[in-house]
Amino acid sequence: MRDRLADLGDADAVAVFHARPRTLRGWRSRFVTPLRVATDEALAAYRALGFGTADDGTPLGGDLVVDRHGRIAYLYRQRAAHGRPPIDELVAAAGSARDR
């Protein structure tokens, strides 16, 4: 996603991790810069969005697009540890949500 930020226009992209805030420093600099980063250490958002866990108990996240009114316009739930939606699909969903 960070390589396609220009395609998002004025949309904001945030990476949410289930790690402790101090652990995010390394992730922020190595993997997600210039995305904004947040933590959901208690997994409250994961649970609220219906994200599950892998067989080994690792939380499975997903991707979502929220429109300017706070409504979920797109939701993808991971079914495996490395499953992600196509980036073109996320960019299109962000553009569609922006137009609402």
PDB file of N, CA and C in Angstrom:
ATOM      1  N   MET A   1       0.824  -1.188   0.000  1.00  0.00           N
ATOM      2  CA  MET A   1       0.000   0.000   0.000  1.00  0.00           C
ATOM      3  C   MET A   1       0.872   1.257   0.000  1.00  0.00           C
ATOM      4  N   ARG A   2       1.982   1.205   0.720  1.00  0.00           N
ATOM      5  CA  ARG A   2       2.796   2.428   0.795  1.00  0.00           C
ATOM      6  C   ARG A   2       3.302   2.866  -0.566  1.00  0.00           C
ATOM      7  N   ASP A   3       3.489   1.908  -1.487  1.00  0.00           N
ATOM      8  CA  ASP A   3       3.949   2.250  -2.829  1.00  0.00           C
ATOM      9  C   ASP A   3       2.840   2.844  -3.692  1.00  0.00           C
ATOM     10  N   ARG A   4       1.595   2.775  -3.231  1.00  0.00           N
ATOM     11  CA  ARG A   4       0.459   3.282  -4.012  1.00  0.00           C
ATOM     12  C   ARG A   4      -0.237   4.451  -3.329  1.00  0.00           C
ATOM     13  N   LEU A   5       0.388   5.057  -2.341  1.00  0.00           N
ATOM     14  CA  LEU A   5      -0.242   6.160  -1.608  1.00  0.00           C
ATOM     15  C   LEU A   5      -0.687   7.291  -2.522  1.00  0.00           C
ATOM     16  N   ALA A   6       0.077   7.583  -3.549  1.00  0.00           N
ATOM     17  CA  ALA A   6      -0.289   8.667  -4.463  1.00  0.00           C
ATOM     18  C   ALA A   6      -1.625   8.377  -5.149  1.00  0.00           C
ATOM     19  N   ASP A   7      -1.939   7.089  -5.330  1.00  0.00           N
ATOM     20  CA  ASP A   7      -3.198   6.708  -5.975  1.00  0.00           C
ATOM     21  C   ASP A   7      -4.408   6.907  -5.073  1.00  0.00           C
ATOM     22  N   LEU A   8      -4.172   7.151  -3.780  1.00  0.00           N
ATOM     23  CA  LEU A   8      -5.275   7.310  -2.831  1.00  0.00           C
ATOM     24  C   LEU A   8      -5.801   8.738  -2.766  1.00  0.00           C
ATOM     25  N   GLY A   9      -5.143   9.654  -3.408  1.00  0.00           N
ATOM     26  CA  GLY A   9      -5.590  11.041  -3.363  1.00  0.00           C
ATOM     27  C   GLY A   9      -5.518  11.580  -1.952  1.00  0.00           C
ATOM     28  N   ASP A  10      -6.631  12.114  -1.450  1.00  0.00           N
ATOM     29  CA  ASP A  10      -6.624  12.686  -0.102  1.00  0.00           C
ATOM     30  C   ASP A  10      -7.023  11.672   0.973  1.00  0.00           C
ATOM     31  N   ALA A  11      -7.168  10.399   0.594  1.00  0.00           N
ATOM     32  CA  ALA A  11      -7.497   9.361   1.575  1.00  0.00           C
ATOM     33  C   ALA A  11      -6.303   9.148   2.504  1.00  0.00           C
ATOM     34  N   ASP A  12      -6.568   8.682   3.691  1.00  0.00           N
ATOM     35  CA  ASP A  12      -5.532   8.447   4.695  1.00  0.00           C
ATOM     36  C   ASP A  12      -5.369   6.941   4.880  1.00  0.00           C
ATOM     37  N   ALA A  13      -4.151   6.453   4.884  1.00  0.00           N
ATOM     38  CA  ALA A  13      -3.884   5.031   5.084  1.00  0.00           C
ATOM     39  C   ALA A  13      -3.217   4.846   6.439  1.00  0.00           C
ATOM     40  N   VAL A  14      -3.718   3.887   7.217  1.00  0.00           N
ATOM     41  CA  VAL A  14      -3.195   3.611   8.554  1.00  0.00           C
ATOM     42  C   VAL A  14      -2.955   2.109   8.673  1.00  0.00           C
ATOM     43  N   ALA A  15      -1.808   1.734   9.190  1.00  0.00           N
ATOM     44  CA  ALA A  15      -1.512   0.325   9.466  1.00  0.00           C
ATOM     45  C   ALA A  15      -1.760   0.096  10.952  1.00  0.00           C
ATOM     46  N   VAL A  16      -2.561  -0.922  11.276  1.00  0.00           N
ATOM     47  CA  VAL A  16      -2.879  -1.230  12.672  1.00  0.00           C
ATOM     48  C   VAL A  16      -2.276  -2.590  13.004  1.00  0.00           C
ATOM     49  N   PHE A  17      -1.502  -2.628  14.073  1.00  0.00           N
ATOM     50  CA  PHE A  17      -0.840  -3.849  14.502  1.00  0.00           C
ATOM     51  C   PHE A  17      -1.351  -4.261  15.874  1.00  0.00           C
ATOM     52  N   HIS A  18      -1.209  -5.533  16.210  1.00  0.00           N
ATOM     53  CA  HIS A  18      -1.620  -5.996  17.521  1.00  0.00           C
ATOM     54  C   HIS A  18      -0.429  -6.096  18.479  1.00  0.00           C
ATOM     55  N   ALA A  19       0.598  -5.331  18.223  1.00  0.00           N
ATOM     56  CA  ALA A  19       1.804  -5.328  19.042  1.00  0.00           C
ATOM     57  C   ALA A  19       1.747  -4.202  20.075  1.00  0.00           C
ATOM     58  N   ARG A  20       2.666  -4.284  21.033  1.00  0.00           N
ATOM     59  CA  ARG A  20       2.799  -3.199  22.009  1.00  0.00           C
ATOM     60  C   ARG A  20       3.322  -1.958  21.301  1.00  0.00           C
ATOM     61  N   PRO A  21       2.919  -0.786  21.766  1.00  0.00           N
ATOM     62  CA  PRO A  21       3.367   0.452  21.106  1.00  0.00           C
ATOM     63  C   PRO A  21       4.881   0.542  20.926  1.00  0.00           C
ATOM     64  N   ARG A  22       5.670   0.126  21.917  1.00  0.00           N
ATOM     65  CA  ARG A  22       7.133   0.253  21.782  1.00  0.00           C
ATOM     66  C   ARG A  22       7.690  -0.678  20.708  1.00  0.00           C
ATOM     67  N   THR A  23       6.996  -1.774  20.422  1.00  0.00           N
ATOM     68  CA  THR A  23       7.422  -2.708  19.392  1.00  0.00           C
ATOM     69  C   THR A  23       7.225  -2.119  18.000  1.00  0.00           C
ATOM     70  N   LEU A  24       6.312  -1.178  17.877  1.00  0.00           N
ATOM     71  CA  LEU A  24       5.987  -0.615  16.571  1.00  0.00           C
ATOM     72  C   LEU A  24       7.093   0.249  15.978  1.00  0.00           C
ATOM     73  N   ARG A  25       8.004   0.742  16.816  1.00  0.00           N
ATOM     74  CA  ARG A  25       9.066   1.604  16.299  1.00  0.00           C
ATOM     75  C   ARG A  25       9.839   0.936  15.169  1.00  0.00           C
ATOM     76  N   GLY A  26      10.222  -0.314  15.356  1.00  0.00           N
ATOM     77  CA  GLY A  26      10.964  -1.040  14.328  1.00  0.00           C
ATOM     78  C   GLY A  26      10.133  -1.281  13.080  1.00  0.00           C
ATOM     79  N   TRP A  27       8.881  -1.662  13.265  1.00  0.00           N
ATOM     80  CA  TRP A  27       7.986  -1.879  12.122  1.00  0.00           C
ATOM     81  C   TRP A  27       7.807  -0.593  11.344  1.00  0.00           C
ATOM     82  N   ARG A  28       7.632   0.482  12.068  1.00  0.00           N
ATOM     83  CA  ARG A  28       7.383   1.777  11.437  1.00  0.00           C
ATOM     84  C   ARG A  28       8.528   2.146  10.507  1.00  0.00           C
ATOM     85  N   SER A  29       9.742   2.002  10.958  1.00  0.00           N
ATOM     86  CA  SER A  29      10.883   2.420  10.141  1.00  0.00           C
ATOM     87  C   SER A  29      11.232   1.420   9.045  1.00  0.00           C
ATOM     88  N   ARG A  30      11.021   0.126   9.273  1.00  0.00           N
ATOM     89  CA  ARG A  30      11.431  -0.893   8.302  1.00  0.00           C
ATOM     90  C   ARG A  30      10.382  -1.223   7.258  1.00  0.00           C
ATOM     91  N   PHE A  31       9.107  -1.163   7.626  1.00  0.00           N
ATOM     92  CA  PHE A  31       8.092  -1.706   6.730  1.00  0.00           C
ATOM     93  C   PHE A  31       6.988  -0.754   6.288  1.00  0.00           C
ATOM     94  N   VAL A  32       6.584   0.161   7.121  1.00  0.00           N
ATOM     95  CA  VAL A  32       5.364   0.900   6.804  1.00  0.00           C
ATOM     96  C   VAL A  32       5.539   2.391   6.564  1.00  0.00           C
ATOM     97  N   THR A  33       6.722   2.919   6.731  1.00  0.00           N
ATOM     98  CA  THR A  33       6.912   4.335   6.474  1.00  0.00           C
ATOM     99  C   THR A  33       6.524   4.624   5.036  1.00  0.00           C
ATOM    100  N   PRO A  34       5.766   5.601   4.718  1.00  0.00           N
ATOM    101  CA  PRO A  34       5.268   6.729   5.494  1.00  0.00           C
ATOM    102  C   PRO A  34       3.827   6.558   6.010  1.00  0.00           C
ATOM    103  N   LEU A  35       3.311   5.341   6.083  1.00  0.00           N
ATOM    104  CA  LEU A  35       1.967   5.149   6.607  1.00  0.00           C
ATOM    105  C   LEU A  35       1.898   5.537   8.077  1.00  0.00           C
ATOM    106  N   ARG A  36       0.739   5.999   8.487  1.00  0.00           N
ATOM    107  CA  ARG A  36       0.529   6.199   9.917  1.00  0.00           C
ATOM    108  C   ARG A  36       0.356   4.830  10.545  1.00  0.00           C
ATOM    109  N   VAL A  37       0.774   4.692  11.781  1.00  0.00           N
ATOM    110  CA  VAL A  37       0.741   3.398  12.461  1.00  0.00           C
ATOM    111  C   VAL A  37      -0.011   3.540  13.773  1.00  0.00           C
ATOM    112  N   ALA A  38      -0.848   2.547  14.061  1.00  0.00           N
ATOM    113  CA  ALA A  38      -1.580   2.507  15.331  1.00  0.00           C
ATOM    114  C   ALA A  38      -1.472   1.100  15.888  1.00  0.00           C
ATOM    115  N   THR A  39      -1.775   0.962  17.172  1.00  0.00           N
ATOM    116  CA  THR A  39      -1.740  -0.352  17.789  1.00  0.00           C
ATOM    117  C   THR A  39      -3.104  -0.702  18.374  1.00  0.00           C
ATOM    118  N   ASP A  40      -3.412  -1.983  18.317  1.00  0.00           N
ATOM    119  CA  ASP A  40      -4.640  -2.528  18.899  1.00  0.00           C
ATOM    120  C   ASP A  40      -4.218  -3.739  19.732  1.00  0.00           C
ATOM    121  N   GLU A  41      -3.378  -3.464  20.727  1.00  0.00           N
ATOM    122  CA  GLU A  41      -2.783  -4.525  21.532  1.00  0.00           C
ATOM    123  C   GLU A  41      -3.838  -5.415  22.182  1.00  0.00           C
ATOM    124  N   ALA A  42      -4.962  -4.844  22.569  1.00  0.00           N
ATOM    125  CA  ALA A  42      -6.033  -5.618  23.217  1.00  0.00           C
ATOM    126  C   ALA A  42      -6.912  -6.364  22.208  1.00  0.00           C
ATOM    127  N   LEU A  43      -6.663  -6.156  20.914  1.00  0.00           N
ATOM    128  CA  LEU A  43      -7.413  -6.792  19.821  1.00  0.00           C
ATOM    129  C   LEU A  43      -8.888  -6.394  19.788  1.00  0.00           C
ATOM    130  N   ALA A  44      -9.223  -5.253  20.340  1.00  0.00           N
ATOM    131  CA  ALA A  44     -10.621  -4.799  20.358  1.00  0.00           C
ATOM    132  C   ALA A  44     -11.165  -4.593  18.944  1.00  0.00           C
ATOM    133  N   ALA A  45     -10.402  -3.932  18.087  1.00  0.00           N
ATOM    134  CA  ALA A  45     -10.859  -3.708  16.711  1.00  0.00           C
ATOM    135  C   ALA A  45     -10.928  -5.028  15.952  1.00  0.00           C
ATOM    136  N   TYR A  46      -9.960  -5.907  16.174  1.00  0.00           N
ATOM    137  CA  TYR A  46      -9.965  -7.211  15.517  1.00  0.00           C
ATOM    138  C   TYR A  46     -11.262  -7.962  15.840  1.00  0.00           C
ATOM    139  N   ARG A  47     -11.611  -7.974  17.107  1.00  0.00           N
ATOM    140  CA  ARG A  47     -12.831  -8.677  17.517  1.00  0.00           C
ATOM    141  C   ARG A  47     -14.082  -8.000  16.961  1.00  0.00           C
ATOM    142  N   ALA A  48     -14.129  -6.687  17.044  1.00  0.00           N
ATOM    143  CA  ALA A  48     -15.307  -5.946  16.576  1.00  0.00           C
ATOM    144  C   ALA A  48     -15.543  -6.154  15.078  1.00  0.00           C
ATOM    145  N   LEU A  49     -14.468  -6.325  14.328  1.00  0.00           N
ATOM    146  CA  LEU A  49     -14.573  -6.524  12.876  1.00  0.00           C
ATOM    147  C   LEU A  49     -14.730  -7.988  12.494  1.00  0.00           C
ATOM    148  N   GLY A  50     -14.730  -8.877  13.475  1.00  0.00           N
ATOM    149  CA  GLY A  50     -14.932 -10.289  13.201  1.00  0.00           C
ATOM    150  C   GLY A  50     -13.718 -10.993  12.633  1.00  0.00           C
ATOM    151  N   PHE A  51     -12.525 -10.443  12.879  1.00  0.00           N
ATOM    152  CA  PHE A  51     -11.310 -11.106  12.419  1.00  0.00           C
ATOM    153  C   PHE A  51     -11.043 -12.297  13.326  1.00  0.00           C
ATOM    154  N   GLY A  52     -10.524 -13.372  12.757  1.00  0.00           N
ATOM    155  CA  GLY A  52     -10.295 -14.587  13.523  1.00  0.00           C
ATOM    156  C   GLY A  52      -8.850 -14.783  13.891  1.00  0.00           C
ATOM    157  N   THR A  53      -8.509 -16.034  14.175  1.00  0.00           N
ATOM    158  CA  THR A  53      -7.139 -16.389  14.510  1.00  0.00           C
ATOM    159  C   THR A  53      -6.727 -17.613  13.691  1.00  0.00           C
ATOM    160  N   ALA A  54      -5.427 -17.730  13.475  1.00  0.00           N
ATOM    161  CA  ALA A  54      -4.879 -18.895  12.788  1.00  0.00           C
ATOM    162  C   ALA A  54      -4.923 -20.087  13.736  1.00  0.00           C
ATOM    163  N   ASP A  55      -4.640 -21.260  13.229  1.00  0.00           N
ATOM    164  CA  ASP A  55      -4.650 -22.470  14.050  1.00  0.00           C
ATOM    165  C   ASP A  55      -3.710 -22.369  15.245  1.00  0.00           C
ATOM    166  N   ASP A  56      -2.625 -21.603  15.105  1.00  0.00           N
ATOM    167  CA  ASP A  56      -1.672 -21.463  16.209  1.00  0.00           C
ATOM    168  C   ASP A  56      -2.034 -20.324  17.159  1.00  0.00           C
ATOM    169  N   GLY A  57      -3.188 -19.688  16.951  1.00  0.00           N
ATOM    170  CA  GLY A  57      -3.642 -18.613  17.832  1.00  0.00           C
ATOM    171  C   GLY A  57      -3.221 -17.217  17.407  1.00  0.00           C
ATOM    172  N   THR A  58      -2.441 -17.106  16.345  1.00  0.00           N
ATOM    173  CA  THR A  58      -2.014 -15.804  15.845  1.00  0.00           C
ATOM    174  C   THR A  58      -3.219 -15.059  15.272  1.00  0.00           C
ATOM    175  N   PRO A  59      -3.411 -13.802  15.691  1.00  0.00           N
ATOM    176  CA  PRO A  59      -4.537 -13.035  15.145  1.00  0.00           C
ATOM    177  C   PRO A  59      -4.419 -12.862  13.632  1.00  0.00           C
ATOM    178  N   LEU A  60      -5.520 -13.066  12.938  1.00  0.00           N
ATOM    179  CA  LEU A  60      -5.586 -12.808  11.505  1.00  0.00           C
ATOM    180  C   LEU A  60      -6.286 -11.481  11.310  1.00  0.00           C
ATOM    181  N   GLY A  61      -5.655 -10.590  10.663  1.00  0.00           N
ATOM    182  CA  GLY A  61      -6.229  -9.272  10.449  1.00  0.00           C
ATOM    183  C   GLY A  61      -7.001  -9.186   9.159  1.00  0.00           C
ATOM    184  N   GLY A  62      -6.903  -8.060   8.553  1.00  0.00           N
ATOM    185  CA  GLY A  62      -7.586  -7.834   7.299  1.00  0.00           C
ATOM    186  C   GLY A  62      -7.340  -6.421   6.834  1.00  0.00           C
ATOM    187  N   ASP A  63      -8.134  -6.029   5.896  1.00  0.00           N
ATOM    188  CA  ASP A  63      -8.029  -4.694   5.327  1.00  0.00           C
ATOM    189  C   ASP A  63      -9.425  -4.107   5.261  1.00  0.00           C
ATOM    190  N   LEU A  64      -9.525  -2.825   5.532  1.00  0.00           N
ATOM    191  CA  LEU A  64     -10.808  -2.180   5.397  1.00  0.00           C
ATOM    192  C   LEU A  64     -10.653  -0.758   4.917  1.00  0.00           C
ATOM    193  N   VAL A  65     -11.710  -0.283   4.315  1.00  0.00           N
ATOM    194  CA  VAL A  65     -11.792   1.097   3.855  1.00  0.00           C
ATOM    195  C   VAL A  65     -13.017   1.684   4.540  1.00  0.00           C
ATOM    196  N   VAL A  66     -12.814   2.817   5.162  1.00  0.00           N
ATOM    197  CA  VAL A  66     -13.900   3.513   5.847  1.00  0.00           C
ATOM    198  C   VAL A  66     -14.162   4.813   5.101  1.00  0.00           C
ATOM    199  N   ASP A  67     -15.426   5.085   4.814  1.00  0.00           N
ATOM    200  CA  ASP A  67     -15.729   6.321   4.091  1.00  0.00           C
ATOM    201  C   ASP A  67     -15.703   7.520   5.037  1.00  0.00           C
ATOM    202  N   ARG A  68     -15.875   8.688   4.486  1.00  0.00           N
ATOM    203  CA  ARG A  68     -15.772   9.914   5.288  1.00  0.00           C
ATOM    204  C   ARG A  68     -16.849  10.043   6.359  1.00  0.00           C
ATOM    205  N   HIS A  69     -17.883   9.201   6.275  1.00  0.00           N
ATOM    206  CA  HIS A  69     -18.960   9.214   7.264  1.00  0.00           C
ATOM    207  C   HIS A  69     -18.753   8.161   8.343  1.00  0.00           C
ATOM    208  N   GLY A  70     -17.622   7.459   8.290  1.00  0.00           N
ATOM    209  CA  GLY A  70     -17.310   6.451   9.286  1.00  0.00           C
ATOM    210  C   GLY A  70     -17.921   5.086   9.009  1.00  0.00           C
ATOM    211  N   ARG A  71     -18.472   4.894   7.812  1.00  0.00           N
ATOM    212  CA  ARG A  71     -19.061   3.606   7.441  1.00  0.00           C
ATOM    213  C   ARG A  71     -18.026   2.750   6.725  1.00  0.00           C
ATOM    214  N   ILE A  72     -18.070   1.460   7.014  1.00  0.00           N
ATOM    215  CA  ILE A  72     -17.159   0.538   6.342  1.00  0.00           C
ATOM    216  C   ILE A  72     -17.625   0.368   4.903  1.00  0.00           C
ATOM    217  N   ALA A  73     -16.762   0.744   3.976  1.00  0.00           N
ATOM    218  CA  ALA A  73     -17.077   0.660   2.549  1.00  0.00           C
ATOM    219  C   ALA A  73     -16.498  -0.605   1.918  1.00  0.00           C
ATOM    220  N   TYR A  74     -15.510  -1.202   2.573  1.00  0.00           N
ATOM    221  CA  TYR A  74     -14.850  -2.400   2.053  1.00  0.00           C
ATOM    222  C   TYR A  74     -14.241  -3.128   3.238  1.00  0.00           C
ATOM    223  N   LEU A  75     -14.411  -4.442   3.280  1.00  0.00           N
ATOM    224  CA  LEU A  75     -13.850  -5.245   4.370  1.00  0.00           C
ATOM    225  C   LEU A  75     -13.340  -6.566   3.816  1.00  0.00           C
ATOM    226  N   TYR A  76     -12.086  -6.864   4.101  1.00  0.00           N
ATOM    227  CA  TYR A  76     -11.473  -8.127   3.705  1.00  0.00           C
ATOM    228  C   TYR A  76     -10.933  -8.782   4.967  1.00  0.00           C
ATOM    229  N   ARG A  77     -11.362  -9.999   5.246  1.00  0.00           N
ATOM    230  CA  ARG A  77     -10.872 -10.742   6.406  1.00  0.00           C
ATOM    231  C   ARG A  77      -9.889 -11.809   5.933  1.00  0.00           C
ATOM    232  N   GLN A  78      -8.714 -11.820   6.538  1.00  0.00           N
ATOM    233  CA  GLN A  78      -7.715 -12.832   6.214  1.00  0.00           C
ATOM    234  C   GLN A  78      -8.231 -14.221   6.565  1.00  0.00           C
ATOM    235  N   ARG A  79      -7.921 -15.190   5.743  1.00  0.00           N
ATOM    236  CA  ARG A  79      -8.260 -16.583   6.041  1.00  0.00           C
ATOM    237  C   ARG A  79      -6.993 -17.401   6.306  1.00  0.00           C
ATOM    238  N   ALA A  80      -5.843 -16.814   5.994  1.00  0.00           N
ATOM    239  CA  ALA A  80      -4.549 -17.449   6.232  1.00  0.00           C
ATOM    240  C   ALA A  80      -3.567 -16.364   6.654  1.00  0.00           C
ATOM    241  N   ALA A  81      -2.464 -16.775   7.248  1.00  0.00           N
ATOM    242  CA  ALA A  81      -1.515 -15.818   7.812  1.00  0.00           C
ATOM    243  C   ALA A  81      -0.985 -14.790   6.814  1.00  0.00           C
ATOM    244  N   HIS A  82      -0.904 -15.138   5.545  1.00  0.00           N
ATOM    245  CA  HIS A  82      -0.329 -14.198   4.582  1.00  0.00           C
ATOM    246  C   HIS A  82      -1.306 -13.781   3.492  1.00  0.00           C
ATOM    247  N   GLY A  83      -2.575 -13.993   3.672  1.00  0.00           N
ATOM    248  CA  GLY A  83      -3.557 -13.630   2.660  1.00  0.00           C
ATOM    249  C   GLY A  83      -3.897 -12.149   2.689  1.00  0.00           C
ATOM    250  N   ARG A  84      -3.837 -11.507   1.570  1.00  0.00           N
ATOM    251  CA  ARG A  84      -4.186 -10.093   1.442  1.00  0.00           C
ATOM    252  C   ARG A  84      -4.975  -9.908   0.159  1.00  0.00           C
ATOM    253  N   PRO A  85      -5.822  -8.897   0.111  1.00  0.00           N
ATOM    254  CA  PRO A  85      -6.534  -8.617  -1.141  1.00  0.00           C
ATOM    255  C   PRO A  85      -5.587  -7.955  -2.150  1.00  0.00           C
ATOM    256  N   PRO A  86      -5.932  -8.000  -3.420  1.00  0.00           N
ATOM    257  CA  PRO A  86      -5.103  -7.305  -4.415  1.00  0.00           C
ATOM    258  C   PRO A  86      -5.078  -5.799  -4.128  1.00  0.00           C
ATOM    259  N   ILE A  87      -3.916  -5.198  -4.252  1.00  0.00           N
ATOM    260  CA  ILE A  87      -3.767  -3.774  -3.955  1.00  0.00           C
ATOM    261  C   ILE A  87      -4.663  -2.927  -4.842  1.00  0.00           C
ATOM    262  N   ASP A  88      -4.873  -3.349  -6.099  1.00  0.00           N
ATOM    263  CA  ASP A  88      -5.758  -2.593  -6.986  1.00  0.00           C
ATOM    264  C   ASP A  88      -7.185  -2.553  -6.425  1.00  0.00           C
ATOM    265  N   GLU A  89      -7.598  -3.623  -5.775  1.00  0.00           N
ATOM    266  CA  GLU A  89      -8.927  -3.685  -5.172  1.00  0.00           C
ATOM    267  C   GLU A  89      -9.050  -2.681  -4.024  1.00  0.00           C
ATOM    268  N   LEU A  90      -8.010  -2.581  -3.201  1.00  0.00           N
ATOM    269  CA  LEU A  90      -8.019  -1.611  -2.093  1.00  0.00           C
ATOM    270  C   LEU A  90      -8.022  -0.168  -2.607  1.00  0.00           C
ATOM    271  N   VAL A  91      -7.211   0.101  -3.599  1.00  0.00           N
ATOM    272  CA  VAL A  91      -7.148   1.450  -4.174  1.00  0.00           C
ATOM    273  C   VAL A  91      -8.503   1.817  -4.776  1.00  0.00           C
ATOM    274  N   ALA A  92      -9.123   0.900  -5.486  1.00  0.00           N
ATOM    275  CA  ALA A  92     -10.455   1.162  -6.074  1.00  0.00           C
ATOM    276  C   ALA A  92     -11.490   1.402  -4.987  1.00  0.00           C
ATOM    277  N   ALA A  93     -11.427   0.614  -3.905  1.00  0.00           N
ATOM    278  CA  ALA A  93     -12.377   0.788  -2.803  1.00  0.00           C
ATOM    279  C   ALA A  93     -12.192   2.144  -2.131  1.00  0.00           C
ATOM    280  N   ALA A  94     -10.945   2.566  -1.979  1.00  0.00           N
ATOM    281  CA  ALA A  94     -10.670   3.877  -1.381  1.00  0.00           C
ATOM    282  C   ALA A  94     -11.218   4.986  -2.268  1.00  0.00           C
ATOM    283  N   GLY A  95     -11.047   4.858  -3.570  1.00  0.00           N
ATOM    284  CA  GLY A  95     -11.573   5.866  -4.498  1.00  0.00           C
ATOM    285  C   GLY A  95     -13.088   5.914  -4.461  1.00  0.00           C
ATOM    286  N   SER A  96     -13.715   4.758  -4.398  1.00  0.00           N
ATOM    287  CA  SER A  96     -15.167   4.687  -4.335  1.00  0.00           C
ATOM    288  C   SER A  96     -15.701   5.297  -3.030  1.00  0.00           C
ATOM    289  N   ALA A  97     -15.023   4.990  -1.923  1.00  0.00           N
ATOM    290  CA  ALA A  97     -15.452   5.536  -0.625  1.00  0.00           C
ATOM    291  C   ALA A  97     -15.275   7.049  -0.584  1.00  0.00           C
ATOM    292  N   ARG A  98     -14.236   7.534  -1.242  1.00  0.00           N
ATOM    293  CA  ARG A  98     -13.968   8.976  -1.268  1.00  0.00           C
ATOM    294  C   ARG A  98     -15.095   9.711  -1.999  1.00  0.00           C
ATOM    295  N   ASP A  99     -15.683   9.061  -2.988  1.00  0.00           N
ATOM    296  CA  ASP A  99     -16.728   9.698  -3.783  1.00  0.00           C
ATOM    297  C   ASP A  99     -18.113   9.680  -3.122  1.00  0.00           C
ATOM    298  N   ARG A 100     -18.234   8.998  -2.012  1.00  0.00           N
ATOM    299  CA  ARG A 100     -19.539   8.897  -1.336  1.00  0.00           C
ATOM    300  C   ARG A 100     -19.890  10.148  -0.600  1.00  0.00           C
TER     301      ARG A 100
END
